[in-house]
């Protein structure tokens, strides 16, 4: 049987890749173990909250994520295509005028819900 161990950047074992038939045979035990680990982590408050600012540098994308809006909904509120909004969110620089349009559209989305 072939089992592959994937190490993290420090050289410590982090993941295991195993044949599908082995996973299928063990899947219930794996799911039970994962559920137990999640419950234990919940009891110990070990989860770190997701903070988009730690991962997203574009202010337009960050504003949308913090507002909990989908790209397609924000694009519609701005009167632009989703593709344009995606391009804006991936730009290295966002003009103050574009960012203002994002904020106005997000406020309109909040008001409509």
N, C-alpha and C. Protein backbone atom coordinates (compact mmCIF):
# COMPACT_ATOMS: atom_id res chain seq x y z
N UNK A 1 0.85 -1.17 0.00
CA UNK A 1 0.00 0.00 0.00
C UNK A 1 0.90 1.23 0.00
N UNK A 2 0.50 2.24 -0.76
CA UNK A 2 1.27 3.46 -0.90
C UNK A 2 0.64 4.57 -0.07
N UNK A 3 1.42 5.11 0.86
CA UNK A 3 0.98 6.24 1.68
C UNK A 3 2.02 7.34 1.51
N UNK A 4 1.57 8.54 1.24
CA UNK A 4 2.48 9.65 1.06
C UNK A 4 2.32 10.62 2.22
N UNK A 5 3.43 11.04 2.81
CA UNK A 5 3.42 12.00 3.90
C UNK A 5 3.93 13.33 3.35
N UNK A 6 3.16 14.37 3.58
CA UNK A 6 3.53 15.71 3.13
C UNK A 6 3.96 16.50 4.35
N UNK A 7 5.13 17.09 4.26
CA UNK A 7 5.68 17.82 5.40
C UNK A 7 5.42 19.32 5.26
N UNK A 8 5.39 20.01 6.40
CA UNK A 8 5.21 21.46 6.38
C UNK A 8 6.56 22.12 6.10
N UNK A 9 6.59 23.43 6.12
CA UNK A 9 7.82 24.17 5.79
C UNK A 9 8.94 23.94 6.79
N UNK A 10 8.59 23.41 7.96
CA UNK A 10 9.61 23.11 8.97
C UNK A 10 10.06 21.65 8.93
N UNK A 11 9.55 20.90 7.96
CA UNK A 11 9.95 19.51 7.81
C UNK A 11 9.18 18.53 8.68
N UNK A 12 8.14 19.01 9.34
CA UNK A 12 7.33 18.12 10.19
C UNK A 12 6.19 17.54 9.37
N UNK A 13 5.82 16.29 9.62
CA UNK A 13 4.67 15.70 8.91
C UNK A 13 3.41 16.54 9.14
N UNK A 14 2.71 16.88 8.06
CA UNK A 14 1.52 17.73 8.16
C UNK A 14 0.28 17.06 7.57
N UNK A 15 0.44 16.29 6.48
CA UNK A 15 -0.68 15.67 5.81
C UNK A 15 -0.30 14.25 5.38
N UNK A 16 -1.33 13.44 5.17
CA UNK A 16 -1.11 12.09 4.66
C UNK A 16 -2.03 11.88 3.47
N UNK A 17 -1.47 11.37 2.40
CA UNK A 17 -2.25 11.01 1.21
C UNK A 17 -2.28 9.49 1.18
N UNK A 18 -3.49 8.93 1.14
CA UNK A 18 -3.60 7.48 1.11
C UNK A 18 -4.56 7.04 0.02
N UNK A 19 -4.48 5.78 -0.36
CA UNK A 19 -5.35 5.28 -1.44
C UNK A 19 -6.83 5.47 -1.10
N UNK A 20 -7.62 5.70 -2.12
CA UNK A 20 -9.04 5.95 -1.95
C UNK A 20 -9.74 4.80 -1.23
N UNK A 21 -9.38 3.58 -1.55
CA UNK A 21 -10.05 2.43 -0.92
C UNK A 21 -9.77 2.39 0.58
N UNK A 22 -8.59 2.84 0.99
CA UNK A 22 -8.27 2.90 2.42
C UNK A 22 -9.09 4.01 3.07
N UNK A 23 -9.15 5.15 2.40
CA UNK A 23 -9.96 6.26 2.94
C UNK A 23 -11.42 5.84 3.08
N UNK A 24 -11.97 5.19 2.06
CA UNK A 24 -13.37 4.76 2.12
C UNK A 24 -13.60 3.80 3.26
N UNK A 25 -12.65 2.91 3.52
CA UNK A 25 -12.79 1.96 4.61
C UNK A 25 -12.73 2.65 5.97
N UNK A 26 -12.01 3.75 6.04
CA UNK A 26 -11.82 4.45 7.31
C UNK A 26 -12.63 5.74 7.43
N UNK A 27 -13.42 6.07 6.42
CA UNK A 27 -14.06 7.39 6.37
C UNK A 27 -14.94 7.68 7.58
N UNK A 28 -15.71 6.70 8.06
CA UNK A 28 -16.56 6.96 9.23
C UNK A 28 -15.72 7.27 10.46
N UNK A 29 -14.65 6.52 10.65
CA UNK A 29 -13.77 6.77 11.79
C UNK A 29 -13.09 8.13 11.66
N UNK A 30 -12.70 8.49 10.46
CA UNK A 30 -12.07 9.79 10.23
C UNK A 30 -13.05 10.91 10.53
N UNK A 31 -14.28 10.80 10.03
CA UNK A 31 -15.30 11.83 10.28
C UNK A 31 -15.58 11.96 11.78
N UNK A 32 -15.68 10.84 12.48
CA UNK A 32 -15.92 10.88 13.92
C UNK A 32 -14.77 11.57 14.65
N UNK A 33 -13.56 11.24 14.24
CA UNK A 33 -12.38 11.84 14.87
C UNK A 33 -12.34 13.34 14.61
N UNK A 34 -12.63 13.75 13.38
CA UNK A 34 -12.64 15.17 13.05
C UNK A 34 -13.71 15.92 13.85
N UNK A 35 -14.89 15.32 13.96
CA UNK A 35 -15.97 15.94 14.73
C UNK A 35 -15.55 16.11 16.18
N UNK A 36 -14.88 15.11 16.73
CA UNK A 36 -14.41 15.20 18.11
C UNK A 36 -13.37 16.29 18.28
N UNK A 37 -12.46 16.42 17.31
CA UNK A 37 -11.45 17.46 17.38
C UNK A 37 -12.07 18.85 17.30
N UNK A 38 -13.10 18.99 16.43
CA UNK A 38 -13.78 20.28 16.31
C UNK A 38 -14.50 20.65 17.60
N UNK A 39 -15.14 19.68 18.22
CA UNK A 39 -15.84 19.95 19.48
C UNK A 39 -14.85 20.36 20.56
N UNK A 40 -13.73 19.67 20.62
CA UNK A 40 -12.70 19.99 21.61
C UNK A 40 -12.15 21.39 21.36
N UNK A 41 -11.91 21.73 20.11
CA UNK A 41 -11.41 23.06 19.78
C UNK A 41 -12.43 24.12 20.15
N UNK A 42 -13.72 23.84 19.92
CA UNK A 42 -14.77 24.79 20.29
C UNK A 42 -14.78 25.02 21.81
N UNK A 43 -14.64 23.92 22.56
CA UNK A 43 -14.65 24.04 24.02
C UNK A 43 -13.45 24.86 24.51
N UNK A 44 -12.33 24.72 23.83
CA UNK A 44 -11.13 25.42 24.25
C UNK A 44 -10.95 26.77 23.57
N UNK A 45 -11.91 27.15 22.73
CA UNK A 45 -11.83 28.41 21.98
C UNK A 45 -10.52 28.53 21.22
N UNK A 46 -10.14 27.45 20.54
CA UNK A 46 -8.88 27.43 19.81
C UNK A 46 -8.97 28.03 18.41
N UNK A 47 -10.16 28.31 17.94
CA UNK A 47 -10.29 28.82 16.59
C UNK A 47 -9.96 30.30 16.55
N UNK A 48 -9.21 30.68 15.53
CA UNK A 48 -8.90 32.08 15.30
C UNK A 48 -9.97 32.64 14.38
N UNK A 49 -10.52 33.78 14.70
CA UNK A 49 -11.51 34.37 13.80
C UNK A 49 -10.87 34.78 12.47
N UNK A 50 -11.60 34.65 11.39
CA UNK A 50 -11.11 35.06 10.08
C UNK A 50 -11.19 36.57 9.97
N UNK A 51 -10.07 37.17 9.68
CA UNK A 51 -10.02 38.61 9.50
C UNK A 51 -9.57 38.88 8.07
N UNK A 52 -10.48 39.33 7.20
CA UNK A 52 -10.11 39.56 5.79
C UNK A 52 -8.92 40.50 5.62
N UNK A 53 -8.76 41.44 6.53
CA UNK A 53 -7.65 42.39 6.41
C UNK A 53 -6.29 41.70 6.49
N UNK A 54 -6.25 40.51 7.06
CA UNK A 54 -5.00 39.77 7.12
C UNK A 54 -4.62 39.18 5.77
N UNK A 55 -5.57 39.09 4.85
CA UNK A 55 -5.34 38.40 3.58
C UNK A 55 -5.58 39.27 2.35
N UNK A 56 -6.39 40.32 2.49
CA UNK A 56 -6.80 41.13 1.35
C UNK A 56 -6.25 42.53 1.51
N UNK A 57 -5.52 42.99 0.51
CA UNK A 57 -4.93 44.33 0.59
C UNK A 57 -5.71 45.36 -0.21
N UNK A 58 -6.50 44.92 -1.18
CA UNK A 58 -7.25 45.86 -2.01
C UNK A 58 -8.41 46.43 -1.20
N UNK A 59 -8.51 47.76 -1.07
CA UNK A 59 -9.56 48.34 -0.22
C UNK A 59 -10.98 48.09 -0.74
N UNK A 60 -11.16 47.99 -2.05
CA UNK A 60 -12.50 47.72 -2.58
C UNK A 60 -12.93 46.30 -2.23
N UNK A 61 -12.04 45.34 -2.40
CA UNK A 61 -12.35 43.96 -2.07
C UNK A 61 -12.57 43.80 -0.57
N UNK A 62 -11.74 44.46 0.22
CA UNK A 62 -11.87 44.38 1.67
C UNK A 62 -13.20 44.96 2.15
N UNK A 63 -13.60 46.08 1.57
CA UNK A 63 -14.88 46.69 1.94
C UNK A 63 -16.04 45.75 1.61
N UNK A 64 -15.97 45.11 0.45
CA UNK A 64 -17.04 44.18 0.06
C UNK A 64 -17.08 42.98 0.99
N UNK A 65 -15.92 42.41 1.30
CA UNK A 65 -15.88 41.25 2.19
C UNK A 65 -16.40 41.59 3.58
N UNK A 66 -16.00 42.73 4.09
CA UNK A 66 -16.47 43.13 5.42
C UNK A 66 -17.98 43.38 5.44
N UNK A 67 -18.52 43.81 4.31
CA UNK A 67 -19.96 44.05 4.23
C UNK A 67 -20.73 42.74 4.00
N UNK A 68 -20.01 41.68 3.66
CA UNK A 68 -20.66 40.39 3.42
C UNK A 68 -21.41 40.36 2.10
N UNK A 69 -20.98 41.16 1.15
CA UNK A 69 -21.66 41.24 -0.15
C UNK A 69 -20.97 40.35 -1.18
N UNK A 70 -21.74 39.84 -2.09
CA UNK A 70 -21.19 39.07 -3.22
C UNK A 70 -20.76 40.05 -4.30
N UNK A 71 -19.76 39.64 -5.06
CA UNK A 71 -19.28 40.48 -6.15
C UNK A 71 -20.40 40.85 -7.11
N UNK A 72 -21.20 39.87 -7.48
CA UNK A 72 -22.26 40.11 -8.47
C UNK A 72 -23.28 41.13 -7.94
N UNK A 73 -23.59 41.07 -6.65
CA UNK A 73 -24.55 42.01 -6.07
C UNK A 73 -23.98 43.43 -6.00
N UNK A 74 -22.71 43.52 -5.61
CA UNK A 74 -22.09 44.84 -5.55
C UNK A 74 -21.95 45.43 -6.95
N UNK A 75 -21.57 44.62 -7.90
CA UNK A 75 -21.44 45.10 -9.29
C UNK A 75 -22.78 45.64 -9.78
N UNK A 76 -23.84 44.90 -9.51
CA UNK A 76 -25.18 45.33 -9.94
C UNK A 76 -25.54 46.67 -9.28
N UNK A 77 -25.23 46.80 -7.99
CA UNK A 77 -25.53 48.05 -7.27
C UNK A 77 -24.69 49.22 -7.79
N UNK A 78 -23.50 48.91 -8.30
CA UNK A 78 -22.63 49.96 -8.84
C UNK A 78 -22.97 50.28 -10.29
N UNK A 79 -23.74 49.40 -10.95
CA UNK A 79 -24.06 49.60 -12.36
C UNK A 79 -22.92 49.21 -13.28
N UNK A 80 -22.10 48.24 -12.83
CA UNK A 80 -20.98 47.76 -13.64
C UNK A 80 -21.10 46.24 -13.75
N UNK A 81 -20.27 45.66 -14.59
CA UNK A 81 -20.27 44.20 -14.71
C UNK A 81 -19.48 43.58 -13.56
N UNK A 82 -19.76 42.31 -13.30
CA UNK A 82 -19.01 41.58 -12.27
C UNK A 82 -17.55 41.49 -12.68
N UNK A 83 -17.29 41.35 -13.98
CA UNK A 83 -15.91 41.27 -14.48
C UNK A 83 -15.16 42.57 -14.17
N UNK A 84 -15.82 43.71 -14.36
CA UNK A 84 -15.18 45.00 -14.05
C UNK A 84 -14.86 45.09 -12.56
N UNK A 85 -15.81 44.68 -11.73
CA UNK A 85 -15.57 44.74 -10.28
C UNK A 85 -14.42 43.82 -9.89
N UNK A 86 -14.36 42.65 -10.49
CA UNK A 86 -13.25 41.73 -10.22
C UNK A 86 -11.92 42.37 -10.59
N UNK A 87 -11.89 43.03 -11.74
CA UNK A 87 -10.67 43.72 -12.17
C UNK A 87 -10.30 44.82 -11.18
N UNK A 88 -11.30 45.56 -10.71
CA UNK A 88 -11.07 46.62 -9.73
C UNK A 88 -10.51 46.04 -8.43
N UNK A 89 -11.06 44.90 -8.00
CA UNK A 89 -10.63 44.28 -6.75
C UNK A 89 -9.24 43.66 -6.85
N UNK A 90 -8.77 43.41 -8.07
CA UNK A 90 -7.44 42.84 -8.25
C UNK A 90 -6.40 43.89 -8.64
N UNK A 91 -6.82 45.12 -8.75
CA UNK A 91 -5.90 46.20 -9.12
C UNK A 91 -4.97 46.51 -7.96
N UNK A 92 -3.77 46.93 -8.28
CA UNK A 92 -2.81 47.30 -7.23
C UNK A 92 -3.19 48.61 -6.57
N UNK A 93 -3.85 49.50 -7.35
CA UNK A 93 -4.27 50.79 -6.81
C UNK A 93 -5.73 51.01 -7.15
N UNK A 94 -6.45 51.61 -6.22
CA UNK A 94 -7.86 51.95 -6.43
C UNK A 94 -7.99 53.45 -6.21
N UNK A 95 -8.58 54.13 -7.18
CA UNK A 95 -8.71 55.58 -7.05
C UNK A 95 -9.73 55.91 -5.97
N UNK A 96 -9.60 57.07 -5.36
CA UNK A 96 -10.58 57.48 -4.35
C UNK A 96 -12.01 57.52 -4.93
N UNK A 97 -12.14 57.92 -6.19
CA UNK A 97 -13.46 57.99 -6.82
C UNK A 97 -14.08 56.59 -6.93
N UNK A 98 -13.29 55.60 -7.35
CA UNK A 98 -13.80 54.23 -7.46
C UNK A 98 -14.16 53.69 -6.09
N UNK A 99 -13.33 53.96 -5.10
CA UNK A 99 -13.61 53.48 -3.75
C UNK A 99 -14.87 54.13 -3.18
N UNK A 100 -15.09 55.38 -3.51
CA UNK A 100 -16.33 56.05 -3.07
C UNK A 100 -17.54 55.39 -3.71
N UNK A 101 -17.45 55.04 -4.99
CA UNK A 101 -18.56 54.34 -5.67
C UNK A 101 -18.85 53.01 -4.99
N UNK A 102 -17.80 52.31 -4.57
CA UNK A 102 -17.97 51.03 -3.87
C UNK A 102 -18.73 51.26 -2.57
N UNK A 103 -18.29 52.25 -1.80
CA UNK A 103 -18.93 52.53 -0.51
C UNK A 103 -20.39 52.96 -0.66
N UNK A 104 -20.67 53.78 -1.65
CA UNK A 104 -22.05 54.22 -1.89
C UNK A 104 -22.92 53.00 -2.25
N UNK A 105 -22.41 52.14 -3.11
CA UNK A 105 -23.17 50.95 -3.53
C UNK A 105 -23.36 49.99 -2.35
N UNK A 106 -22.33 49.83 -1.52
CA UNK A 106 -22.47 48.95 -0.34
C UNK A 106 -23.51 49.51 0.63
N UNK A 107 -23.52 50.81 0.82
CA UNK A 107 -24.54 51.43 1.68
C UNK A 107 -25.93 51.21 1.11
N UNK A 108 -26.06 51.30 -0.21
CA UNK A 108 -27.36 51.05 -0.85
C UNK A 108 -27.77 49.60 -0.67
N UNK A 109 -26.82 48.67 -0.77
CA UNK A 109 -27.14 47.26 -0.55
C UNK A 109 -27.59 47.01 0.89
N UNK A 110 -26.90 47.63 1.84
CA UNK A 110 -27.29 47.47 3.26
C UNK A 110 -28.69 48.00 3.50
N UNK A 111 -29.00 49.12 2.89
CA UNK A 111 -30.32 49.74 3.08
C UNK A 111 -31.44 48.91 2.47
N UNK A 112 -31.11 48.15 1.43
CA UNK A 112 -32.16 47.38 0.76
C UNK A 112 -32.42 46.04 1.43
N UNK A 113 -31.60 45.66 2.41
CA UNK A 113 -31.83 44.37 3.08
C UNK A 113 -32.42 44.52 4.43
